[in-house]
Each structure stands twice: as structure tokens, then as C-alpha cells.
Amino acid sequence: MVEPYTDQWLQPVIARSPYEIKTTEMNVGGDPLRVVTSGYPETQGDTLREKYRFAQERLDQIRRALFLEPRGHQDMWGAITVEPDDKDADIAAFYLNANGYSPTCGHASIGLARFAVDAGLVKATSPETSVNIQLPCGLVRTHVEYDSETKASGRTHFTSIPSFLYEQDLEVNIPRIGKVVVDVSFGGIFFAITSSSQLGIDVCDSSIQDIKYVGVSITKATNDAIRVEHPTCQGTNLISGTIITDGKDSQDADSTTNICVYSSQGLIARAPCGSGVVARAALQVQKGLTDLNQPMTFKSRYGSSFVVEKTNVEGIEAVRIEVSGQGHYIGRNTFFSEENDEMGKVS
């Protein structure tokens, strides 16, 4: 066994780096979450949406350095926390991934809420701590299990922003497959949702390559077929991904499995996809497939699950969905760059 050693020899390397970024690494139902804890450049702007736009336009080289190879991978997600401008928010954040930026992410909200409690960003209370997270899409109210005696946090449940079925029974044409009927639903971002029975695949047993091809193709075809536009969230005008389900949407089913294929690059969710679960539950309620307040477990092909614990009506055109899941800590990182590293440089 190699004798223990210090990393003092690395300090001169880090000192010459254009940045030193520290992160806490989490796993939420199998999906990664990289929470940036220090070193991210200041995001300029008076509001969260201005800071979000500044990061997209001026700091994207940092996202690419942290979330693409060699430091990240195609399915990597992360969170940047900033000061909120919503008086009801405890923290504000925006989410990043290998493909770009996202105004919301369910698994990221589950993980970030637990991190906020443990890192002291909010005052911990037992048996549950409330963490209101301002996101570019709106305010997400989360609650984290907390035991004041053991100082241990646990599961998180969050209440979604108002979510709704946007377009029902839309027919699109998919190369190599033919005509497919999809629903378009909003759960913080827009998704196309369809059953695997139309596609000749199985959400659990088919190859990831086949699922990725179908998901990316449906997302593109649906964006080509209609232009979505959120009624109040300016700039939310794109279908971000496709949810492929096992077709178990009726109230007779107490559990169902789906897989999310996100973005034109085909990011594959290991978890059931928090925002996708919200969009799908909103669809189920508004199509009359399930009753309000009927719990249902949403599973991924990898064995993780989120639970829809409660739904309630927001007016007559939208619902709020309550979802629970568990985030776990898996590591810490310090990222930097050497000047002559062509593969790992910030550009």
C-alpha cells in the first residue's frame, strides 16, 4: 500500500490555474448533481433571470469545463446558487447540464434542498425543514426530513409550480417508425409524452441506443409540429425532451415506469425525472386518468423511484404536483486547469 501523502505539491499548479472551483457531488435516484460551492464567477444582474441570462451569455466556458469531458459527461447535471430576488425564497439557483441550461430540474431540486439544509443555507428545523428555491421557472417549495437529535437530513418532497397538459393527442411522424401520437405537458419545462407500445420498444429492456434515437426523434418532430409558449414564463418556448412510458396511466396502477430522453443530445435520466414526473402526473389528472390525491410511484429502468404523494388543482387549467425522492452525497471535488492542457482547458 502506498504511504499516505499530502497534496501540497499541487498548490503551485492550482495557483497558476485561471480558476479553482469546488463542488459537492450528489446522486439523486441515480442522476448526478454537481453543486458548485465556491469559485464560480459572479453572475451580474439584479434578478435571477438576469443572472441566468448572464451565465448563459458570458460564463458558458465554465459550464463546458465542468460538465463536459474530461471533468463531466454527457448526462451530467449541476446547480449554481445565487441570491434570490423573490421575497418568499430562501435561496435561488439555476441548473446546468452537459447540453446547456435548464430553468428547472426535479432531481436537482431534491438534491439541492437537502444540501441547503446540511450546508446551513437555511435554518434546520425538526422534523422537517422548508426550503423555498427560486428558479428561473418560478418558486419551488421543498421540505427536507431533518432529525435535530442526530443532525441527519433525509428525503425531500417538493411542490411543483403550476403544471398542465398543453397539447393532447398530437400526431407526429418519426423516421423508421411512422406516425406516433404524443401529448405535450408542462412540468417546469415542456415534454413530449408517449407510450412505448407505439414505438416497438420496452422502457426497461430495449437498448439505450434505441431509446435515445426514438426520444431525440420525437422531441425534434414535436418541436417541428407545434410551437409551445408558456403563458407567463417568458422564453419557455421549447419542448426539452421526451418521456417514454410503459402506458400504465390509469388509477388501477399504483406504480409505473418511464424513461426521460432530454435535449437534442439525448441525455438519459437515471432517475424517473422529477420534472417529467410532474408533467406526466399533470397529464394523468387533466385527462381524467387518475384521481386527485391518489399516490403513485414512478420508477426508472435503473430501480430508483419518485413518489407522487399529492396533487391539487390550481384553478381549472393547472395542477400542482407533490413529488418525493432521496438525494445522497457521493464526493467532493476541486477543479482547476493547467495552461498547456488542450483537452481540459476552459474555452
Protein backbone atom coordinates (compact mmCIF):
# COMPACT_ATOMS: atom_id res chain seq x y z
CA MET A 1 0.00 0.00 0.00
CA VAL A 2 1.30 3.45 -0.90
CA GLU A 3 2.15 5.58 2.13
CA PRO A 4 -0.25 8.47 2.82
CA TYR A 5 0.78 11.69 1.15
CA THR A 6 -0.33 15.33 1.12
CA ASP A 7 -1.36 17.35 -1.89
CA GLN A 8 0.91 20.28 -1.14
CA TRP A 9 2.76 19.66 -4.39
CA LEU A 10 -0.46 20.52 -6.22
CA GLN A 11 -0.75 24.01 -4.75
CA PRO A 12 1.59 25.67 -7.29
CA VAL A 13 -0.43 24.03 -10.10
CA ILE A 14 -3.70 25.31 -8.65
CA ALA A 15 -2.19 28.76 -8.11
CA ARG A 16 -1.40 29.04 -11.84
CA SER A 17 -4.89 27.90 -12.86
CA PRO A 18 -7.33 30.53 -14.20
CA TYR A 19 -9.90 29.16 -11.77
CA GLU A 20 -10.35 26.92 -8.73
CA ILE A 21 -13.89 25.62 -8.42
CA LYS A 22 -15.08 23.42 -5.58
CA THR A 23 -18.13 21.19 -5.71
CA THR A 24 -20.16 18.76 -3.66
CA GLU A 25 -21.25 15.71 -5.63
CA MET A 26 -24.65 14.09 -5.15
CA ASN A 27 -26.68 11.22 -6.55
CA VAL A 28 -30.47 11.59 -6.74
CA GLY A 29 -32.12 8.38 -7.82
CA GLY A 30 -29.04 7.61 -9.90
CA ASP A 31 -28.89 11.01 -11.59
CA PRO A 32 -25.78 13.09 -10.84
CA LEU A 33 -25.89 16.55 -9.26
CA ARG A 34 -22.77 18.70 -9.03
CA VAL A 35 -23.42 21.56 -6.58
CA VAL A 36 -20.88 24.34 -7.09
CA THR A 37 -19.85 25.60 -3.65
CA SER A 38 -17.11 28.12 -4.50
CA GLY A 39 -15.09 29.58 -7.35
CA TYR A 40 -17.88 30.21 -9.87
CA PRO A 41 -17.57 33.76 -11.24
CA GLU A 42 -20.04 36.38 -10.04
CA THR A 43 -23.25 36.41 -12.05
CA GLN A 44 -24.22 40.00 -12.78
CA GLY A 45 -27.81 41.18 -12.67
CA ASP A 46 -30.50 42.41 -10.29
CA THR A 47 -32.86 39.48 -10.81
CA LEU A 48 -32.42 35.74 -11.06
CA ARG A 49 -33.46 35.76 -14.70
CA GLU A 50 -30.81 38.42 -15.46
CA LYS A 51 -28.15 36.33 -13.68
CA TYR A 52 -29.33 33.22 -15.51
CA ARG A 53 -29.03 35.02 -18.85
CA PHE A 54 -25.60 36.44 -17.90
CA ALA A 55 -24.32 32.93 -17.15
CA GLN A 56 -25.59 31.67 -20.50
CA GLU A 57 -24.09 34.54 -22.47
CA ARG A 58 -20.85 35.25 -20.58
CA LEU A 59 -19.88 32.23 -18.49
CA ASP A 60 -20.66 29.27 -20.69
CA GLN A 61 -16.97 28.33 -20.89
CA ILE A 62 -17.17 27.43 -17.19
CA ARG A 63 -20.18 25.18 -17.79
CA ARG A 64 -18.35 23.41 -20.60
CA ALA A 65 -15.26 22.94 -18.43
CA LEU A 66 -17.23 21.47 -15.51
CA PHE A 67 -19.88 19.40 -17.26
CA LEU A 68 -18.28 18.09 -20.43
CA GLU A 69 -15.45 15.58 -20.56
CA PRO A 70 -12.89 15.17 -19.09
CA ARG A 71 -14.43 16.58 -15.87
CA GLY A 72 -18.02 15.66 -16.64
CA HIS A 73 -20.00 13.53 -19.05
CA GLN A 74 -22.96 13.66 -21.41
CA ASP A 75 -25.57 13.10 -18.68
CA MET A 76 -24.06 15.44 -16.06
CA TRP A 77 -26.21 17.98 -14.15
CA GLY A 78 -25.27 20.74 -11.72
CA ALA A 79 -26.54 23.66 -9.67
CA ILE A 80 -25.35 27.24 -9.15
CA THR A 81 -26.79 29.08 -6.13
CA VAL A 82 -27.23 32.87 -6.15
CA GLU A 83 -29.03 35.47 -4.05
CA PRO A 84 -32.81 35.40 -4.55
CA ASP A 85 -34.92 38.39 -5.57
CA ASP A 86 -38.19 36.68 -4.64
CA LYS A 87 -39.10 37.68 -1.08
CA ASP A 88 -40.58 34.23 -0.43
CA ALA A 89 -37.40 32.38 -1.47
CA ASP A 90 -34.73 31.07 0.89
CA ILE A 91 -32.22 30.52 -1.92
CA ALA A 92 -32.13 30.99 -5.67
CA ALA A 93 -30.48 28.72 -8.21
CA PHE A 94 -30.24 27.74 -11.83
CA TYR A 95 -29.34 24.36 -13.24
CA LEU A 96 -26.75 23.40 -15.84
CA ASN A 97 -26.03 20.23 -17.76
CA ALA A 98 -23.78 18.93 -20.49
CA ASN A 99 -26.15 20.29 -23.12
CA GLY A 100 -26.74 23.77 -21.68
CA TYR A 101 -29.07 25.26 -19.07
CA SER A 102 -32.44 24.36 -17.61
CA PRO A 103 -34.97 26.62 -15.82
CA THR A 104 -35.89 23.70 -13.56
CA CYS A 105 -34.97 20.11 -12.75
CA GLY A 106 -36.81 17.88 -10.30
CA HIS A 107 -33.93 15.65 -9.24
CA ALA A 108 -31.66 18.69 -8.87
CA SER A 109 -34.23 20.42 -6.63
CA ILE A 110 -34.46 17.30 -4.44
CA GLY A 111 -30.68 17.18 -4.03
CA LEU A 112 -30.13 20.92 -3.69
CA ALA A 113 -32.78 21.23 -0.96
CA ARG A 114 -31.02 18.63 1.18
CA PHE A 115 -27.67 20.32 0.53
CA ALA A 116 -29.13 23.69 1.59
CA VAL A 117 -30.19 22.24 4.94
CA ASP A 118 -26.88 20.48 5.64
CA ALA A 119 -24.71 23.38 4.43
CA GLY A 120 -26.53 25.85 6.67
CA LEU A 121 -28.07 27.89 3.84
CA VAL A 122 -31.33 27.69 5.80
CA LYS A 123 -32.04 27.13 9.48
CA ALA A 124 -32.71 23.45 10.09
CA THR A 125 -35.89 22.54 11.96
CA SER A 126 -37.21 19.15 13.03
CA PRO A 127 -38.98 17.02 11.87
CA GLU A 128 -38.91 18.85 8.55
CA THR A 129 -37.18 21.92 7.14
CA SER A 130 -38.77 24.09 4.47
CA VAL A 131 -36.53 25.29 1.64
CA ASN A 132 -38.10 27.61 -0.92
CA ILE A 133 -35.97 27.62 -4.07
CA GLN A 134 -36.38 30.42 -6.60
CA LEU A 135 -35.74 29.04 -10.08
CA PRO A 136 -36.00 30.76 -13.47
CA CYS A 137 -39.34 28.96 -13.98
CA GLY A 138 -40.77 30.04 -10.60
CA LEU A 139 -40.73 29.25 -6.88
CA VAL A 140 -40.39 25.58 -5.91
CA ARG A 141 -41.34 24.81 -2.31
CA THR A 142 -39.41 21.88 -0.86
CA HIS A 143 -39.40 20.13 2.52
CA VAL A 144 -36.49 18.07 3.82
CA GLU A 145 -36.73 15.49 6.58
CA TYR A 146 -34.47 16.51 9.47
CA ASP A 147 -33.75 14.97 12.88
CA SER A 148 -32.47 17.62 15.30
CA GLU A 149 -31.08 15.00 17.70
CA THR A 150 -28.92 13.15 15.16
CA LYS A 151 -28.41 16.21 12.89
CA ALA A 152 -29.35 13.96 9.98
CA SER A 153 -31.30 15.04 6.91
CA GLY A 154 -33.24 12.65 4.69
CA ARG A 155 -35.85 12.56 1.94
CA THR A 156 -37.08 15.66 0.18
CA HIS A 157 -40.50 16.36 -1.19
CA PHE A 158 -41.31 19.34 -3.36
CA THR A 159 -44.45 21.02 -4.61
CA SER A 160 -44.20 21.89 -8.27
CA ILE A 161 -45.04 25.15 -9.93
CA PRO A 162 -48.44 25.09 -11.72
CA SER A 163 -48.23 22.33 -14.34
CA PHE A 164 -50.58 21.46 -17.17
CA LEU A 165 -51.41 19.46 -20.26
CA TYR A 166 -50.55 21.72 -23.19
CA GLU A 167 -51.46 19.69 -26.30
CA GLN A 168 -53.38 16.43 -26.42
CA ASP A 169 -53.14 13.59 -28.96
CA LEU A 170 -50.76 15.30 -31.38
CA GLU A 171 -49.74 13.13 -34.32
CA VAL A 172 -46.10 13.32 -35.43
CA ASN A 173 -44.11 11.34 -37.97
CA ILE A 174 -40.94 9.59 -36.75
CA PRO A 175 -38.36 8.28 -39.25
CA ARG A 176 -38.11 4.45 -39.24
CA ILE A 177 -41.22 4.23 -37.04
CA GLY A 178 -44.05 6.16 -38.69
CA LYS A 179 -46.91 8.05 -37.10
CA VAL A 180 -46.84 8.41 -33.32
CA VAL A 181 -49.39 10.11 -31.06
CA VAL A 182 -47.92 12.25 -28.28
CA ASP A 183 -49.17 14.55 -25.55
CA VAL A 184 -47.27 17.71 -24.69
CA SER A 185 -47.26 18.58 -20.98
CA PHE A 186 -45.52 21.18 -18.81
CA GLY A 187 -43.87 20.29 -15.50
CA GLY A 188 -41.42 23.19 -15.20
CA ILE A 189 -40.28 22.54 -18.77
CA PHE A 190 -42.20 21.10 -21.70
CA PHE A 191 -42.09 17.38 -22.53
CA ALA A 192 -43.50 15.21 -25.27
CA ILE A 193 -45.00 12.11 -23.64
CA THR A 194 -45.90 8.85 -25.31
CA SER A 195 -46.27 5.13 -24.61
CA SER A 196 -43.60 2.64 -25.60
CA SER A 197 -46.30 0.42 -27.15
CA GLN A 198 -46.44 2.77 -30.14
CA LEU A 199 -42.70 2.61 -30.64
CA GLY A 200 -41.89 -1.09 -30.63
CA ILE A 201 -39.58 -0.72 -27.63
CA ASP A 202 -39.62 -1.55 -23.93
CA VAL A 203 -38.61 1.12 -21.41
CA CYS A 204 -36.76 -1.43 -19.28
CA ASP A 205 -35.37 -3.95 -21.74
CA SER A 206 -34.64 -2.13 -25.00
CA SER A 207 -31.14 -0.82 -25.66
CA ILE A 208 -30.29 2.71 -24.59
CA GLN A 209 -29.22 3.43 -28.18
CA ASP A 210 -32.71 2.57 -29.46
CA ILE A 211 -34.41 4.56 -26.70
CA LYS A 212 -32.15 7.55 -27.30
CA TYR A 213 -32.85 7.51 -31.06
CA VAL A 214 -36.60 7.38 -30.52
CA GLY A 215 -36.60 10.05 -27.79
CA VAL A 216 -34.48 12.53 -29.72
CA SER A 217 -36.55 11.93 -32.88
CA ILE A 218 -39.85 12.52 -31.05
CA THR A 219 -38.55 15.72 -29.41
CA LYS A 220 -37.43 17.08 -32.79
CA ALA A 221 -40.63 16.06 -34.60
CA THR A 222 -42.85 17.56 -31.91
CA ASN A 223 -40.92 20.85 -31.89
CA ASP A 224 -41.29 20.92 -35.66
CA ALA A 225 -45.03 20.24 -35.42
CA ILE A 226 -46.01 22.88 -32.84
CA ARG A 227 -44.54 25.92 -31.14
CA VAL A 228 -45.06 25.86 -27.38
CA GLU A 229 -45.22 29.04 -25.32
CA HIS A 230 -45.68 29.25 -21.56
CA PRO A 231 -48.41 31.80 -20.74
CA THR A 232 -46.40 33.60 -18.04
CA CYS A 233 -42.78 32.37 -18.11
CA GLN A 234 -41.18 34.35 -20.91
CA GLY A 235 -38.72 32.44 -23.06
CA THR A 236 -40.05 28.97 -22.13
CA ASN A 237 -40.89 28.05 -25.70
CA LEU A 238 -39.21 24.73 -26.44
CA ILE A 239 -40.03 21.08 -25.85
CA SER A 240 -36.95 19.99 -23.91
CA GLY A 241 -37.28 16.22 -24.02
CA THR A 242 -39.42 13.13 -24.39
CA ILE A 243 -40.87 10.88 -21.68
CA ILE A 244 -41.41 7.30 -22.88
CA THR A 245 -43.78 5.40 -20.59
CA ASP A 246 -44.94 1.84 -20.02
CA GLY A 247 -48.50 3.04 -20.65
CA LYS A 248 -49.72 2.45 -17.08
CA ASP A 249 -51.57 5.72 -16.57
CA SER A 250 -54.89 4.59 -15.10
CA GLN A 251 -55.87 4.79 -11.45
CA ASP A 252 -55.73 1.00 -11.29
CA ALA A 253 -51.92 1.16 -11.42
CA ASP A 254 -50.10 2.01 -8.18
CA SER A 255 -46.74 2.18 -9.97
CA THR A 256 -45.46 2.91 -13.45
CA THR A 257 -42.11 3.09 -15.22
CA ASN A 258 -40.82 5.72 -17.63
CA ILE A 259 -37.57 6.99 -19.05
CA CYS A 260 -36.65 10.54 -19.98
CA VAL A 261 -34.57 11.39 -23.06
CA TYR A 262 -33.55 15.02 -22.58
CA SER A 263 -32.44 17.53 -25.20
CA SER A 264 -31.32 17.13 -28.79
CA GLN A 265 -28.19 15.35 -27.48
CA GLY A 266 -30.23 12.59 -25.86
CA LEU A 267 -29.27 12.87 -22.18
CA ILE A 268 -30.65 9.78 -20.42
CA ALA A 269 -32.15 10.22 -16.95
CA ARG A 270 -31.21 7.51 -14.47
CA ALA A 271 -33.97 8.66 -12.12
CA PRO A 272 -37.62 8.77 -13.21
CA CYS A 273 -37.05 12.52 -13.96
CA GLY A 274 -38.62 14.87 -11.43
CA SER A 275 -39.88 17.48 -13.89
CA GLY A 276 -41.01 14.70 -16.22
CA VAL A 277 -42.92 13.01 -13.40
CA VAL A 278 -44.65 16.33 -12.68
CA ALA A 279 -45.55 16.80 -16.37
CA ARG A 280 -46.81 13.23 -16.62
CA ALA A 281 -48.87 13.44 -13.41
CA ALA A 282 -50.44 16.70 -14.62
CA LEU A 283 -51.33 14.94 -17.87
CA GLN A 284 -52.88 11.99 -15.99
CA VAL A 285 -55.02 14.26 -13.84
CA GLN A 286 -56.19 16.55 -16.62
CA LYS A 287 -57.03 13.68 -18.95
CA GLY A 288 -59.06 12.08 -16.16
CA LEU A 289 -56.83 9.01 -15.97
CA THR A 290 -56.15 9.29 -12.23
CA ASP A 291 -57.96 10.85 -9.29
CA LEU A 292 -56.67 13.79 -7.31
CA ASN A 293 -54.76 12.85 -4.16
CA GLN A 294 -54.12 9.32 -5.43
CA PRO A 295 -50.49 8.34 -4.67
CA MET A 296 -48.47 6.73 -7.46
CA THR A 297 -44.88 5.55 -7.63
CA PHE A 298 -42.90 6.45 -10.74
CA LYS A 299 -39.95 4.13 -11.38
CA SER A 300 -36.93 4.27 -13.64
CA ARG A 301 -35.45 1.31 -15.51
CA TYR A 302 -32.50 1.52 -13.13
CA GLY A 303 -34.52 0.78 -10.00
CA SER A 304 -34.91 4.23 -8.43
CA SER A 305 -38.30 5.79 -7.80
CA PHE A 306 -40.09 9.06 -7.05
CA VAL A 307 -43.47 9.14 -5.35
CA VAL A 308 -46.30 11.48 -6.30
CA GLU A 309 -47.71 11.99 -2.83
CA LYS A 310 -50.41 14.55 -3.55
CA THR A 311 -51.96 16.58 -6.33
CA ASN A 312 -54.19 19.59 -6.02
CA VAL A 313 -55.96 21.78 -8.52
CA GLU A 314 -54.61 25.23 -9.34
CA GLY A 315 -57.66 26.91 -10.85
CA ILE A 316 -59.13 24.72 -13.56
CA GLU A 317 -56.27 24.67 -16.06
CA ALA A 318 -53.26 23.65 -13.99
CA VAL A 319 -52.31 21.41 -11.09
CA ARG A 320 -49.55 21.37 -8.52
CA ILE A 321 -47.82 18.03 -8.10
CA GLU A 322 -46.00 16.92 -4.96
CA VAL A 323 -43.06 14.60 -5.55
CA SER A 324 -40.67 12.96 -3.08
CA GLY A 325 -37.22 11.45 -3.55
CA GLN A 326 -33.84 10.97 -1.89
CA GLY A 327 -30.54 12.68 -2.60
CA HIS A 328 -27.24 11.19 -1.37
CA TYR A 329 -23.75 12.67 -1.05
CA ILE A 330 -21.07 10.85 -3.01
CA GLY A 331 -18.00 13.10 -3.01
CA ARG A 332 -16.22 16.45 -3.20
CA ASN A 333 -14.10 17.90 -5.98
CA THR A 334 -11.68 20.73 -6.61
CA PHE A 335 -11.38 21.60 -10.30
CA PHE A 336 -8.61 23.59 -11.95
CA SER A 337 -6.78 23.77 -15.24
CA GLU A 338 -3.19 23.69 -16.46
CA GLU A 339 -2.26 26.14 -19.18
CA ASN A 340 -0.94 23.53 -21.60
CA ASP A 341 -3.87 21.11 -21.20
CA GLU A 342 -5.59 21.29 -24.58
CA MET A 343 -8.23 18.67 -23.69
CA GLY A 344 -9.14 20.18 -20.35
CA LYS A 345 -8.79 23.91 -20.98
CA VAL A 346 -11.55 26.46 -20.48
CA SER A 347 -12.60 27.85 -23.86
